[in-house]
Protein backbone atom coordinates (compact mmCIF):
# COMPACT_ATOMS: atom_id res chain seq x y z
CA UNK A 1 5.86 -33.78 19.92
CA UNK A 2 3.54 -32.15 17.24
CA UNK A 3 1.23 -34.98 15.85
CA UNK A 4 0.37 -35.26 12.01
CA UNK A 5 -3.82 -34.84 11.28
CA UNK A 6 -3.45 -38.70 10.49
CA UNK A 7 -2.14 -39.60 13.81
CA UNK A 8 -4.88 -37.55 15.56
CA UNK A 9 -7.46 -39.45 13.18
CA UNK A 10 -6.20 -42.87 13.70
CA UNK A 11 -5.61 -42.17 18.04
CA UNK A 12 -9.45 -40.77 18.06
CA UNK A 13 -10.97 -43.74 16.01
CA UNK A 14 -9.09 -46.38 17.81
CA UNK A 15 -10.36 -44.73 21.40
CA UNK A 16 -13.59 -44.55 20.58
CA UNK A 17 -14.06 -48.18 18.50
CA UNK A 18 -12.59 -49.79 21.38
CA UNK A 19 -15.31 -48.71 24.00
CA UNK A 20 -18.13 -49.38 21.60
CA UNK A 21 -16.65 -52.78 20.99
CA UNK A 22 -15.82 -53.32 24.68
CA UNK A 23 -19.81 -55.26 24.54
CA UNK A 24 -19.31 -59.07 24.12
CA UNK A 25 -22.10 -60.79 22.35
CA UNK A 26 -23.46 -61.99 25.76
CA UNK A 27 -23.88 -58.50 27.15
CA UNK A 28 -25.25 -57.24 23.50
CA UNK A 29 -27.71 -60.36 23.92
CA UNK A 30 -28.75 -59.42 27.55
CA UNK A 31 -29.14 -55.51 26.69
CA UNK A 32 -31.54 -56.10 23.68
CA UNK A 33 -33.47 -58.59 26.12
CA UNK A 34 -33.79 -55.64 28.71
CA UNK A 35 -34.08 -52.80 25.84
CA UNK A 36 -37.15 -54.76 24.22
CA UNK A 37 -38.73 -55.22 27.86
CA UNK A 38 -38.69 -51.79 28.55
CA UNK A 39 -40.09 -50.94 25.66
CA UNK A 40 -42.90 -53.44 25.25
CA UNK A 41 -41.18 -54.87 22.22
CA UNK A 42 -43.38 -58.13 21.69
CA UNK A 43 -42.94 -61.42 19.57
CA UNK A 44 -39.75 -62.55 18.30
CA UNK A 45 -38.72 -58.63 17.38
CA UNK A 46 -35.92 -59.09 19.62
CA UNK A 47 -34.28 -61.88 17.29
CA UNK A 48 -34.94 -59.64 14.50
CA UNK A 49 -33.17 -56.70 16.04
CA UNK A 50 -30.67 -58.88 17.21
CA UNK A 51 -29.91 -60.00 13.39
CA UNK A 52 -29.93 -56.40 12.37
CA UNK A 53 -28.03 -54.81 15.37
CA UNK A 54 -24.40 -56.83 14.50
CA UNK A 55 -23.66 -55.81 10.57
CA UNK A 56 -24.66 -52.01 11.10
CA UNK A 57 -23.21 -51.34 14.10
CA UNK A 58 -19.57 -52.09 13.08
CA UNK A 59 -20.16 -49.93 9.11
CA UNK A 60 -22.35 -47.32 10.69
CA UNK A 61 -20.06 -46.71 13.83
CA UNK A 62 -17.01 -46.58 11.33
CA UNK A 63 -19.01 -43.81 9.47
CA UNK A 64 -20.37 -41.76 12.30
CA UNK A 65 -17.03 -42.16 14.05
CA UNK A 66 -15.14 -40.38 10.83
CA UNK A 67 -17.99 -37.51 10.61
CA UNK A 68 -17.12 -36.79 14.43
CA UNK A 69 -13.21 -36.87 13.19
CA UNK A 70 -13.83 -34.91 10.19
CA UNK A 71 -15.54 -32.12 12.40
CA UNK A 72 -13.54 -32.28 15.10
CA UNK A 73 -10.60 -31.35 12.68
CA UNK A 74 -12.74 -28.70 11.25
CA UNK A 75 -13.55 -26.83 14.34
CA UNK A 76 -10.80 -27.90 17.08
CA UNK A 77 -7.41 -26.55 16.84
CA UNK A 78 -4.62 -29.02 16.18
CA UNK A 79 -2.47 -28.07 19.20
CA UNK A 80 -5.97 -29.03 21.45
CA UNK A 81 -6.17 -31.88 19.83
CA UNK A 82 -2.93 -32.74 20.40
CA UNK A 83 -3.49 -32.84 24.04
CA UNK A 84 -6.64 -34.96 23.60
CA UNK A 85 -4.85 -37.19 21.91
CA UNK A 86 -2.11 -37.84 24.80
CA UNK A 87 -3.18 -41.37 25.13
CA UNK A 88 -4.40 -40.64 29.14
CA UNK A 89 -7.49 -42.03 30.74
CA UNK A 90 -8.85 -38.72 31.04
CA UNK A 91 -8.40 -37.76 27.39
CA UNK A 92 -9.81 -40.94 26.15
CA UNK A 93 -12.71 -40.49 28.72
CA UNK A 94 -13.35 -37.01 27.03
CA UNK A 95 -13.30 -37.94 23.56
CA UNK A 96 -15.82 -40.82 23.81
CA UNK A 97 -17.97 -38.08 25.79
CA UNK A 98 -17.76 -35.54 23.18
CA UNK A 99 -18.20 -38.44 20.29
CA UNK A 100 -21.30 -39.28 22.17
CA UNK A 101 -22.40 -35.49 22.15
CA UNK A 102 -21.44 -35.49 18.76
CA UNK A 103 -23.93 -38.12 18.30
CA UNK A 104 -26.91 -36.64 20.22
CA UNK A 105 -27.10 -33.34 17.88
CA UNK A 106 -29.84 -33.04 16.17
CA UNK A 107 -28.23 -33.31 13.01
CA UNK A 108 -26.55 -36.50 13.59
CA UNK A 109 -29.87 -37.91 15.13
CA UNK A 110 -31.46 -37.30 11.49
CA UNK A 111 -28.21 -38.74 9.93
CA UNK A 112 -28.64 -41.79 12.46
CA UNK A 113 -32.06 -42.57 11.53
CA UNK A 114 -31.61 -42.26 7.97
CA UNK A 115 -28.66 -44.63 7.86
CA UNK A 116 -30.97 -46.70 10.31
CA UNK A 117 -33.40 -47.25 8.06
CA UNK A 118 -31.77 -47.65 4.73
CA UNK A 119 -30.15 -50.30 6.57
CA UNK A 120 -33.70 -51.80 7.90
CA UNK A 121 -34.90 -51.33 4.50
CA UNK A 122 -31.80 -53.16 3.31
CA UNK A 123 -31.92 -55.85 5.62
CA UNK A 124 -35.63 -56.70 6.30
CA UNK A 125 -37.79 -54.54 4.36
CA UNK A 126 -38.92 -53.42 7.28
CA UNK A 127 -38.71 -49.88 8.67
CA UNK A 128 -39.99 -50.42 12.07
CA UNK A 129 -37.01 -52.54 12.77
CA UNK A 130 -35.06 -49.54 11.70
CA UNK A 131 -36.95 -47.42 14.14
CA UNK A 132 -36.43 -50.07 16.93
CA UNK A 133 -32.51 -50.31 16.22
CA UNK A 134 -32.22 -46.57 16.44
CA UNK A 135 -33.74 -46.76 20.13
CA UNK A 136 -31.50 -49.23 20.85
CA UNK A 137 -28.60 -47.48 19.75
CA UNK A 138 -29.77 -44.22 21.09
CA UNK A 139 -29.99 -46.10 24.81
CA UNK A 140 -26.84 -47.68 23.81
CA UNK A 141 -25.09 -44.34 23.85
CA UNK A 142 -26.64 -43.02 26.98
CA UNK A 143 -25.53 -46.40 29.00
CA UNK A 144 -21.90 -45.97 27.68
CA UNK A 145 -21.89 -42.28 28.12
CA UNK A 146 -23.42 -42.86 32.02
CA UNK A 147 -20.73 -45.78 32.33
CA UNK A 148 -17.53 -43.10 31.16
CA UNK A 149 -18.71 -41.11 33.14
CA UNK A 150 -19.28 -42.97 36.20
CA UNK A 151 -15.42 -44.61 35.42
CA UNK A 152 -14.00 -40.93 35.02
CA UNK A 153 -15.31 -39.91 38.45
CA UNK A 154 -14.09 -42.86 39.91
CA UNK A 155 -10.78 -42.90 37.86
CA UNK A 156 -11.16 -46.46 36.23
CA UNK A 157 -11.17 -45.06 32.69
């Protein structure tokens, strides 16, 4: 069975966004507090970052996931993408890990910094919050990657 590019696009987007959105509000707040403690951020910065993170995540994740899918469609043969889009846990985990590696590329690190700084300026007028949000995002993506690797090894994707 052959998949149309649109079907591939929808499948990949859905797999990645579900993994990212798996965090509930309580876990997000806990992760922010842990991150602030580790980075030594003082004052009410965690409240400011918490207010910044929810609105940027969905819009920017959609943008970045779309960029990832566009790049995959440009560089990976469609028959290989169809294999990755079979819905199996292993292939879904592979898609998430490929997305995280894409985010870690030099090009995307620059894009993420630019997007977060732009959003930080719009949200608060404070570039430091954009930088803090970028660092938080990187830490969270590293956690998702580690959990995905752990789940893949244990067969719990």
